[in-house]
Amino acid sequence: MRANGNGLPMQCVANLVRIVRGECVYDRIKGIDSTLIDKPEPIAKPLLITDVRWLIKTYEPRVNVNEIDLIGLLAREGNFRLNINTVVKG
């Protein structure tokens, strides 16, 4: 987390997708489902995108999610990048 500016909608979205489900002691469903991380990309990609969309809709109602894209980086090492295109509700 950053020292300040954590209340901004886009920063909150960034914080949410960096949390693994179960990491928040008093809110066990907040975060990305960790079981999806070890699955092969063709299986995990649609599930992870759906999970991220649900996570943002549930925990950050101030934004609309337009598009989510998962890009595999160095697939042998299991790295990936999420590109999330959101708009703050007016």
PDB file of N, CA and C in Angstrom:
ATOM      1  N   MET A   1       0.833  -1.180   0.000  1.00  0.00           N
ATOM      2  CA  MET A   1       0.000   0.000   0.000  1.00  0.00           C
ATOM      3  C   MET A   1       0.881   1.248   0.000  1.00  0.00           C
ATOM      4  N   ARG A   2       0.352   2.272  -0.586  1.00  0.00           N
ATOM      5  CA  ARG A   2       1.050   3.547  -0.596  1.00  0.00           C
ATOM      6  C   ARG A   2       0.806   4.289   0.713  1.00  0.00           C
ATOM      7  N   ALA A   3       1.684   5.218   1.040  1.00  0.00           N
ATOM      8  CA  ALA A   3       1.545   5.995   2.273  1.00  0.00           C
ATOM      9  C   ALA A   3       0.332   6.921   2.217  1.00  0.00           C
ATOM     10  N   ASN A   4      -0.003   7.422   1.026  1.00  0.00           N
ATOM     11  CA  ASN A   4      -1.184   8.267   0.888  1.00  0.00           C
ATOM     12  C   ASN A   4      -1.790   8.049  -0.490  1.00  0.00           C
ATOM     13  N   GLY A   5      -2.998   8.555  -0.688  1.00  0.00           N
ATOM     14  CA  GLY A   5      -3.675   8.408  -1.969  1.00  0.00           C
ATOM     15  C   GLY A   5      -4.371   7.072  -2.164  1.00  0.00           C
ATOM     16  N   ASN A   6      -4.500   6.282  -1.101  1.00  0.00           N
ATOM     17  CA  ASN A   6      -5.127   4.967  -1.218  1.00  0.00           C
ATOM     18  C   ASN A   6      -6.638   5.031  -1.375  1.00  0.00           C
ATOM     19  N   GLY A   7      -7.239   6.203  -1.192  1.00  0.00           N
ATOM     20  CA  GLY A   7      -8.679   6.331  -1.336  1.00  0.00           C
ATOM     21  C   GLY A   7      -9.131   6.611  -2.758  1.00  0.00           C
ATOM     22  N   LEU A   8      -8.195   6.867  -3.663  1.00  0.00           N
ATOM     23  CA  LEU A   8      -8.552   7.116  -5.058  1.00  0.00           C
ATOM     24  C   LEU A   8      -9.066   5.828  -5.691  1.00  0.00           C
ATOM     25  N   PRO A   9     -10.129   5.893  -6.502  1.00  0.00           N
ATOM     26  CA  PRO A   9     -10.727   4.685  -7.075  1.00  0.00           C
ATOM     27  C   PRO A   9      -9.741   3.790  -7.827  1.00  0.00           C
ATOM     28  N   MET A  10      -8.904   4.380  -8.666  1.00  0.00           N
ATOM     29  CA  MET A  10      -7.978   3.556  -9.452  1.00  0.00           C
ATOM     30  C   MET A  10      -6.903   2.924  -8.577  1.00  0.00           C
ATOM     31  N   GLN A  11      -6.493   3.607  -7.511  1.00  0.00           N
ATOM     32  CA  GLN A  11      -5.526   3.020  -6.585  1.00  0.00           C
ATOM     33  C   GLN A  11      -6.164   1.876  -5.819  1.00  0.00           C
ATOM     34  N   CYS A  12      -7.431   2.022  -5.468  1.00  0.00           N
ATOM     35  CA  CYS A  12      -8.143   0.944  -4.776  1.00  0.00           C
ATOM     36  C   CYS A  12      -8.258  -0.295  -5.663  1.00  0.00           C
ATOM     37  N   VAL A  13      -8.523  -0.101  -6.958  1.00  0.00           N
ATOM     38  CA  VAL A  13      -8.576  -1.223  -7.897  1.00  0.00           C
ATOM     39  C   VAL A  13      -7.219  -1.908  -7.958  1.00  0.00           C
ATOM     40  N   ALA A  14      -6.155  -1.118  -8.058  1.00  0.00           N
ATOM     41  CA  ALA A  14      -4.806  -1.689  -8.107  1.00  0.00           C
ATOM     42  C   ALA A  14      -4.494  -2.470  -6.836  1.00  0.00           C
ATOM     43  N   ASN A  15      -4.906  -1.948  -5.690  1.00  0.00           N
ATOM     44  CA  ASN A  15      -4.675  -2.651  -4.424  1.00  0.00           C
ATOM     45  C   ASN A  15      -5.465  -3.952  -4.364  1.00  0.00           C
ATOM     46  N   LEU A  16      -6.711  -3.931  -4.832  1.00  0.00           N
ATOM     47  CA  LEU A  16      -7.556  -5.126  -4.785  1.00  0.00           C
ATOM     48  C   LEU A  16      -6.968  -6.282  -5.578  1.00  0.00           C
ATOM     49  N   VAL A  17      -6.448  -6.005  -6.770  1.00  0.00           N
ATOM     50  CA  VAL A  17      -5.950  -7.097  -7.611  1.00  0.00           C
ATOM     51  C   VAL A  17      -4.566  -7.579  -7.177  1.00  0.00           C
ATOM     52  N   ARG A  18      -3.972  -6.925  -6.201  1.00  0.00           N
ATOM     53  CA  ARG A  18      -2.689  -7.377  -5.656  1.00  0.00           C
ATOM     54  C   ARG A  18      -2.857  -8.227  -4.401  1.00  0.00           C
ATOM     55  N   ILE A  19      -4.101  -8.365  -3.935  1.00  0.00           N
ATOM     56  CA  ILE A  19      -4.385  -9.155  -2.736  1.00  0.00           C
ATOM     57  C   ILE A  19      -4.773 -10.568  -3.154  1.00  0.00           C
ATOM     58  N   VAL A  20      -4.290 -11.549  -2.428  1.00  0.00           N
ATOM     59  CA  VAL A  20      -4.673 -12.947  -2.656  1.00  0.00           C
ATOM     60  C   VAL A  20      -5.807 -13.274  -1.691  1.00  0.00           C
ATOM     61  N   ARG A  21      -6.830 -13.957  -2.195  1.00  0.00           N
ATOM     62  CA  ARG A  21      -7.984 -14.308  -1.376  1.00  0.00           C
ATOM     63  C   ARG A  21      -7.537 -15.044  -0.114  1.00  0.00           C
ATOM     64  N   GLY A  22      -8.046 -14.582   1.023  1.00  0.00           N
ATOM     65  CA  GLY A  22      -7.685 -15.155   2.308  1.00  0.00           C
ATOM     66  C   GLY A  22      -6.631 -14.339   3.043  1.00  0.00           C
ATOM     67  N   GLU A  23      -6.030 -13.387   2.367  1.00  0.00           N
ATOM     68  CA  GLU A  23      -4.970 -12.571   2.951  1.00  0.00           C
ATOM     69  C   GLU A  23      -5.522 -11.549   3.948  1.00  0.00           C
ATOM     70  N   CYS A  24      -6.710 -11.033   3.711  1.00  0.00           N
ATOM     71  CA  CYS A  24      -7.335 -10.078   4.633  1.00  0.00           C
ATOM     72  C   CYS A  24      -8.039 -10.865   5.735  1.00  0.00           C
ATOM     73  N   VAL A  25      -7.600 -10.649   6.946  1.00  0.00           N
ATOM     74  CA  VAL A  25      -8.073 -11.452   8.079  1.00  0.00           C
ATOM     75  C   VAL A  25      -9.580 -11.376   8.266  1.00  0.00           C
ATOM     76  N   TYR A  26     -10.158 -10.198   8.192  1.00  0.00           N
ATOM     77  CA  TYR A  26     -11.581 -10.045   8.489  1.00  0.00           C
ATOM     78  C   TYR A  26     -12.467 -10.033   7.250  1.00  0.00           C
ATOM     79  N   ASP A  27     -11.894 -10.265   6.105  1.00  0.00           N
ATOM     80  CA  ASP A  27     -12.662 -10.327   4.862  1.00  0.00           C
ATOM     81  C   ASP A  27     -12.016 -11.369   3.957  1.00  0.00           C
ATOM     82  N   ARG A  28     -12.296 -12.618   4.205  1.00  0.00           N
ATOM     83  CA  ARG A  28     -11.605 -13.727   3.551  1.00  0.00           C
ATOM     84  C   ARG A  28     -11.895 -13.888   2.067  1.00  0.00           C
ATOM     85  N   ILE A  29     -12.929 -13.238   1.533  1.00  0.00           N
ATOM     86  CA  ILE A  29     -13.212 -13.386   0.102  1.00  0.00           C
ATOM     87  C   ILE A  29     -12.635 -12.256  -0.739  1.00  0.00           C
ATOM     88  N   LYS A  30     -12.018 -11.276  -0.092  1.00  0.00           N
ATOM     89  CA  LYS A  30     -11.409 -10.156  -0.824  1.00  0.00           C
ATOM     90  C   LYS A  30     -10.089 -10.619  -1.444  1.00  0.00           C
ATOM     91  N   GLY A  31      -9.903 -10.348  -2.715  1.00  0.00           N
ATOM     92  CA  GLY A  31      -8.654 -10.683  -3.395  1.00  0.00           C
ATOM     93  C   GLY A  31      -8.854 -11.682  -4.522  1.00  0.00           C
ATOM     94  N   ILE A  32      -7.756 -11.963  -5.217  1.00  0.00           N
ATOM     95  CA  ILE A  32      -7.732 -12.895  -6.345  1.00  0.00           C
ATOM     96  C   ILE A  32      -7.680 -14.329  -5.827  1.00  0.00           C
ATOM     97  N   ASP A  33      -8.408 -15.216  -6.469  1.00  0.00           N
ATOM     98  CA  ASP A  33      -8.402 -16.631  -6.103  1.00  0.00           C
ATOM     99  C   ASP A  33      -7.037 -17.227  -6.415  1.00  0.00           C
ATOM    100  N   SER A  34      -6.320 -17.660  -5.390  1.00  0.00           N
ATOM    101  CA  SER A  34      -4.956 -18.171  -5.565  1.00  0.00           C
ATOM    102  C   SER A  34      -4.906 -19.503  -6.310  1.00  0.00           C
ATOM    103  N   THR A  35      -6.000 -20.243  -6.359  1.00  0.00           N
ATOM    104  CA  THR A  35      -5.983 -21.526  -7.066  1.00  0.00           C
ATOM    105  C   THR A  35      -5.883 -21.343  -8.576  1.00  0.00           C
ATOM    106  N   LEU A  36      -6.214 -20.153  -9.071  1.00  0.00           N
ATOM    107  CA  LEU A  36      -6.149 -19.900 -10.511  1.00  0.00           C
ATOM    108  C   LEU A  36      -4.726 -19.635 -10.988  1.00  0.00           C
ATOM    109  N   ILE A  37      -3.849 -19.265 -10.100  1.00  0.00           N
ATOM    110  CA  ILE A  37      -2.497 -18.871 -10.480  1.00  0.00           C
ATOM    111  C   ILE A  37      -1.691 -20.042 -11.034  1.00  0.00           C
ATOM    112  N   ASP A  38      -1.889 -21.234 -10.513  1.00  0.00           N
ATOM    113  CA  ASP A  38      -1.106 -22.393 -10.934  1.00  0.00           C
ATOM    114  C   ASP A  38      -1.701 -23.167 -12.104  1.00  0.00           C
ATOM    115  N   LYS A  39      -2.864 -22.763 -12.578  1.00  0.00           N
ATOM    116  CA  LYS A  39      -3.503 -23.478 -13.683  1.00  0.00           C
ATOM    117  C   LYS A  39      -2.931 -23.026 -15.017  1.00  0.00           C
ATOM    118  N   PRO A  40      -3.013 -23.873 -16.039  1.00  0.00           N
ATOM    119  CA  PRO A  40      -2.551 -23.472 -17.378  1.00  0.00           C
ATOM    120  C   PRO A  40      -3.345 -22.270 -17.886  1.00  0.00           C
ATOM    121  N   GLU A  41      -2.690 -21.416 -18.674  1.00  0.00           N
ATOM    122  CA  GLU A  41      -3.301 -20.160 -19.120  1.00  0.00           C
ATOM    123  C   GLU A  41      -4.642 -20.340 -19.829  1.00  0.00           C
ATOM    124  N   PRO A  42      -4.814 -21.320 -20.736  1.00  0.00           N
ATOM    125  CA  PRO A  42      -6.119 -21.437 -21.403  1.00  0.00           C
ATOM    126  C   PRO A  42      -7.273 -21.705 -20.439  1.00  0.00           C
ATOM    127  N   ILE A  43      -6.984 -22.364 -19.330  1.00  0.00           N
ATOM    128  CA  ILE A  43      -8.021 -22.641 -18.333  1.00  0.00           C
ATOM    129  C   ILE A  43      -8.182 -21.473 -17.383  1.00  0.00           C
ATOM    130  N   ALA A  44      -7.072 -20.907 -16.935  1.00  0.00           N
ATOM    131  CA  ALA A  44      -7.097 -19.873 -15.902  1.00  0.00           C
ATOM    132  C   ALA A  44      -7.545 -18.512 -16.421  1.00  0.00           C
ATOM    133  N   LYS A  45      -7.223 -18.196 -17.678  1.00  0.00           N
ATOM    134  CA  LYS A  45      -7.485 -16.848 -18.192  1.00  0.00           C
ATOM    135  C   LYS A  45      -8.940 -16.421 -18.080  1.00  0.00           C
ATOM    136  N   PRO A  46      -9.921 -17.183 -18.597  1.00  0.00           N
ATOM    137  CA  PRO A  46     -11.318 -16.727 -18.467  1.00  0.00           C
ATOM    138  C   PRO A  46     -11.800 -16.712 -17.018  1.00  0.00           C
ATOM    139  N   LEU A  47     -11.323 -17.655 -16.216  1.00  0.00           N
ATOM    140  CA  LEU A  47     -11.726 -17.694 -14.807  1.00  0.00           C
ATOM    141  C   LEU A  47     -11.154 -16.519 -14.034  1.00  0.00           C
ATOM    142  N   LEU A  48      -9.903 -16.176 -14.308  1.00  0.00           N
ATOM    143  CA  LEU A  48      -9.261 -15.055 -13.630  1.00  0.00           C
ATOM    144  C   LEU A  48      -9.899 -13.729 -14.036  1.00  0.00           C
ATOM    145  N   ILE A  49     -10.219 -13.577 -15.296  1.00  0.00           N
ATOM    146  CA  ILE A  49     -10.873 -12.351 -15.761  1.00  0.00           C
ATOM    147  C   ILE A  49     -12.247 -12.199 -15.103  1.00  0.00           C
ATOM    148  N   THR A  50     -12.994 -13.282 -15.016  1.00  0.00           N
ATOM    149  CA  THR A  50     -14.298 -13.253 -14.339  1.00  0.00           C
ATOM    150  C   THR A  50     -14.135 -12.929 -12.864  1.00  0.00           C
ATOM    151  N   ASP A  51     -13.122 -13.515 -12.229  1.00  0.00           N
ATOM    152  CA  ASP A  51     -12.867 -13.282 -10.813  1.00  0.00           C
ATOM    153  C   ASP A  51     -12.492 -11.822 -10.555  1.00  0.00           C
ATOM    154  N   VAL A  52     -11.662 -11.243 -11.398  1.00  0.00           N
ATOM    155  CA  VAL A  52     -11.258  -9.838 -11.248  1.00  0.00           C
ATOM    156  C   VAL A  52     -12.449  -8.919 -11.466  1.00  0.00           C
ATOM    157  N   ARG A  53     -13.272  -9.222 -12.461  1.00  0.00           N
ATOM    158  CA  ARG A  53     -14.465  -8.408 -12.722  1.00  0.00           C
ATOM    159  C   ARG A  53     -15.395  -8.422 -11.498  1.00  0.00           C
ATOM    160  N   TRP A  54     -15.618  -9.610 -10.907  1.00  0.00           N
ATOM    161  CA  TRP A  54     -16.456  -9.729  -9.715  1.00  0.00           C
ATOM    162  C   TRP A  54     -15.837  -8.976  -8.536  1.00  0.00           C
ATOM    163  N   LEU A  55     -14.538  -9.098  -8.366  1.00  0.00           N
ATOM    164  CA  LEU A  55     -13.831  -8.453  -7.262  1.00  0.00           C
ATOM    165  C   LEU A  55     -13.986  -6.935  -7.317  1.00  0.00           C
ATOM    166  N   ILE A  56     -13.796  -6.365  -8.501  1.00  0.00           N
ATOM    167  CA  ILE A  56     -13.907  -4.914  -8.644  1.00  0.00           C
ATOM    168  C   ILE A  56     -15.358  -4.456  -8.471  1.00  0.00           C
ATOM    169  N   LYS A  57     -16.293  -5.209  -9.039  1.00  0.00           N
ATOM    170  CA  LYS A  57     -17.706  -4.843  -8.907  1.00  0.00           C
ATOM    171  C   LYS A  57     -18.156  -4.898  -7.448  1.00  0.00           C
ATOM    172  N   THR A  58     -17.654  -5.870  -6.703  1.00  0.00           N
ATOM    173  CA  THR A  58     -18.049  -6.057  -5.311  1.00  0.00           C
ATOM    174  C   THR A  58     -17.403  -5.041  -4.379  1.00  0.00           C
ATOM    175  N   TYR A  59     -16.115  -4.803  -4.543  1.00  0.00           N
ATOM    176  CA  TYR A  59     -15.372  -3.996  -3.577  1.00  0.00           C
ATOM    177  C   TYR A  59     -15.071  -2.568  -4.016  1.00  0.00           C
ATOM    178  N   GLU A  60     -15.259  -2.244  -5.270  1.00  0.00           N
ATOM    179  CA  GLU A  60     -15.010  -0.870  -5.734  1.00  0.00           C
ATOM    180  C   GLU A  60     -16.136  -0.431  -6.661  1.00  0.00           C
ATOM    181  N   PRO A  61     -17.307  -0.116  -6.081  1.00  0.00           N
ATOM    182  CA  PRO A  61     -18.465   0.260  -6.900  1.00  0.00           C
ATOM    183  C   PRO A  61     -18.328   1.627  -7.570  1.00  0.00           C
ATOM    184  N   ARG A  62     -17.263   2.371  -7.264  1.00  0.00           N
ATOM    185  CA  ARG A  62     -17.080   3.695  -7.871  1.00  0.00           C
ATOM    186  C   ARG A  62     -16.582   3.630  -9.308  1.00  0.00           C
ATOM    187  N   VAL A  63     -16.211   2.433  -9.782  1.00  0.00           N
ATOM    188  CA  VAL A  63     -15.695   2.326 -11.151  1.00  0.00           C
ATOM    189  C   VAL A  63     -16.498   1.327 -11.969  1.00  0.00           C
ATOM    190  N   ASN A  64     -16.517   1.534 -13.273  1.00  0.00           N
ATOM    191  CA  ASN A  64     -17.070   0.580 -14.232  1.00  0.00           C
ATOM    192  C   ASN A  64     -15.907  -0.089 -14.937  1.00  0.00           C
ATOM    193  N   VAL A  65     -15.954  -1.395 -15.042  1.00  0.00           N
ATOM    194  CA  VAL A  65     -14.900  -2.134 -15.736  1.00  0.00           C
ATOM    195  C   VAL A  65     -15.290  -2.257 -17.205  1.00  0.00           C
ATOM    196  N   ASN A  66     -14.466  -1.709 -18.075  1.00  0.00           N
ATOM    197  CA  ASN A  66     -14.714  -1.803 -19.506  1.00  0.00           C
ATOM    198  C   ASN A  66     -14.091  -3.054 -20.096  1.00  0.00           C
ATOM    199  N   GLU A  67     -12.850  -3.319 -19.748  1.00  0.00           N
ATOM    200  CA  GLU A  67     -12.125  -4.416 -20.368  1.00  0.00           C
ATOM    201  C   GLU A  67     -11.048  -4.923 -19.418  1.00  0.00           C
ATOM    202  N   ILE A  68     -10.871  -6.236 -19.399  1.00  0.00           N
ATOM    203  CA  ILE A  68      -9.794  -6.860 -18.634  1.00  0.00           C
ATOM    204  C   ILE A  68      -9.056  -7.780 -19.583  1.00  0.00           C
ATOM    205  N   ASP A  69      -7.746  -7.675 -19.586  1.00  0.00           N
ATOM    206  CA  ASP A  69      -6.932  -8.524 -20.454  1.00  0.00           C
ATOM    207  C   ASP A  69      -5.805  -9.115 -19.632  1.00  0.00           C
ATOM    208  N   LEU A  70      -5.552 -10.373 -19.833  1.00  0.00           N
ATOM    209  CA  LEU A  70      -4.473 -11.069 -19.138  1.00  0.00           C
ATOM    210  C   LEU A  70      -3.391 -11.389 -20.156  1.00  0.00           C
ATOM    211  N   ILE A  71      -2.198 -10.909 -19.895  1.00  0.00           N
ATOM    212  CA  ILE A  71      -1.086 -11.128 -20.806  1.00  0.00           C
ATOM    213  C   ILE A  71      -0.057 -12.001 -20.103  1.00  0.00           C
ATOM    214  N   GLY A  72       0.275 -13.125 -20.708  1.00  0.00           N
ATOM    215  CA  GLY A  72       1.282 -14.003 -20.144  1.00  0.00           C
ATOM    216  C   GLY A  72       2.679 -13.475 -20.412  1.00  0.00           C
ATOM    217  N   LEU A  73       3.447 -13.309 -19.366  1.00  0.00           N
ATOM    218  CA  LEU A  73       4.838 -12.882 -19.483  1.00  0.00           C
ATOM    219  C   LEU A  73       5.714 -14.003 -18.940  1.00  0.00           C
ATOM    220  N   LEU A  74       6.687 -14.397 -19.705  1.00  0.00           N
ATOM    221  CA  LEU A  74       7.588 -15.464 -19.260  1.00  0.00           C
ATOM    222  C   LEU A  74       6.797 -16.646 -18.721  1.00  0.00           C
ATOM    223  N   ALA A  75       6.017 -17.248 -19.576  1.00  0.00           N
ATOM    224  CA  ALA A  75       5.072 -18.297 -19.182  1.00  0.00           C
ATOM    225  C   ALA A  75       5.733 -19.430 -18.413  1.00  0.00           C
ATOM    226  N   ARG A  76       6.976 -19.692 -18.702  1.00  0.00           N
ATOM    227  CA  ARG A  76       7.649 -20.778 -17.985  1.00  0.00           C
ATOM    228  C   ARG A  76       7.806 -20.472 -16.506  1.00  0.00           C
ATOM    229  N   GLU A  77       7.863 -19.192 -16.160  1.00  0.00           N
ATOM    230  CA  GLU A  77       8.013 -18.807 -14.761  1.00  0.00           C
ATOM    231  C   GLU A  77       6.675 -18.494 -14.102  1.00  0.00           C
ATOM    232  N   GLY A  78       5.598 -18.530 -14.865  1.00  0.00           N
ATOM    233  CA  GLY A  78       4.272 -18.292 -14.310  1.00  0.00           C
ATOM    234  C   GLY A  78       3.940 -16.829 -14.078  1.00  0.00           C
ATOM    235  N   ASN A  79       4.658 -15.932 -14.720  1.00  0.00           N
ATOM    236  CA  ASN A  79       4.371 -14.504 -14.559  1.00  0.00           C
ATOM    237  C   ASN A  79       3.267 -14.078 -15.519  1.00  0.00           C
ATOM    238  N   PHE A  80       2.468 -13.115 -15.093  1.00  0.00           N
ATOM    239  CA  PHE A  80       1.429 -12.566 -15.957  1.00  0.00           C
ATOM    240  C   PHE A  80       1.178 -11.118 -15.568  1.00  0.00           C
ATOM    241  N   ARG A  81       0.503 -10.398 -16.457  1.00  0.00           N
ATOM    242  CA  ARG A  81       0.154  -9.000 -16.204  1.00  0.00           C
ATOM    243  C   ARG A  81      -1.325  -8.823 -16.520  1.00  0.00           C
ATOM    244  N   LEU A  82      -2.019  -8.132 -15.641  1.00  0.00           N
ATOM    245  CA  LEU A  82      -3.423  -7.795 -15.863  1.00  0.00           C
ATOM    246  C   LEU A  82      -3.510  -6.366 -16.366  1.00  0.00           C
ATOM    247  N   ASN A  83      -4.160  -6.179 -17.476  1.00  0.00           N
ATOM    248  CA  ASN A  83      -4.480  -4.844 -17.979  1.00  0.00           C
ATOM    249  C   ASN A  83      -5.963  -4.634 -17.716  1.00  0.00           C
ATOM    250  N   ILE A  84      -6.291  -3.638 -16.905  1.00  0.00           N
ATOM    251  CA  ILE A  84      -7.682  -3.383 -16.555  1.00  0.00           C
ATOM    252  C   ILE A  84      -8.027  -1.975 -17.014  1.00  0.00           C
ATOM    253  N   ASN A  85      -9.039  -1.867 -17.856  1.00  0.00           N
ATOM    254  CA  ASN A  85      -9.500  -0.587 -18.350  1.00  0.00           C
ATOM    255  C   ASN A  85     -10.791  -0.239 -17.608  1.00  0.00           C
ATOM    256  N   THR A  86     -10.733   0.743 -16.718  1.00  0.00           N
ATOM    257  CA  THR A  86     -11.892   1.129 -15.927  1.00  0.00           C
ATOM    258  C   THR A  86     -12.173   2.620 -16.074  1.00  0.00           C
ATOM    259  N   VAL A  87     -13.385   3.002 -15.758  1.00  0.00           N
ATOM    260  CA  VAL A  87     -13.800   4.397 -15.794  1.00  0.00           C
ATOM    261  C   VAL A  87     -14.471   4.707 -14.463  1.00  0.00           C
ATOM    262  N   VAL A  88     -14.084   5.820 -13.848  1.00  0.00           N
ATOM    263  CA  VAL A  88     -14.711   6.241 -12.590  1.00  0.00           C
ATOM    264  C   VAL A  88     -16.118   6.722 -12.911  1.00  0.00           C
ATOM    265  N   LYS A  89     -17.088   6.215 -12.129  1.00  0.00           N
ATOM    266  CA  LYS A  89     -18.485   6.616 -12.323  1.00  0.00           C
ATOM    267  C   LYS A  89     -18.648   8.090 -11.987  1.00  0.00           C
ATOM    268  N   GLY A  90     -19.430   8.795 -12.784  1.00  0.00           N
ATOM    269  CA  GLY A  90     -19.611  10.236 -12.600  1.00  0.00           C
ATOM    270  C   GLY A  90     -20.764  10.581 -11.822  1.00  0.00           C
TER     271      GLY A  90
END
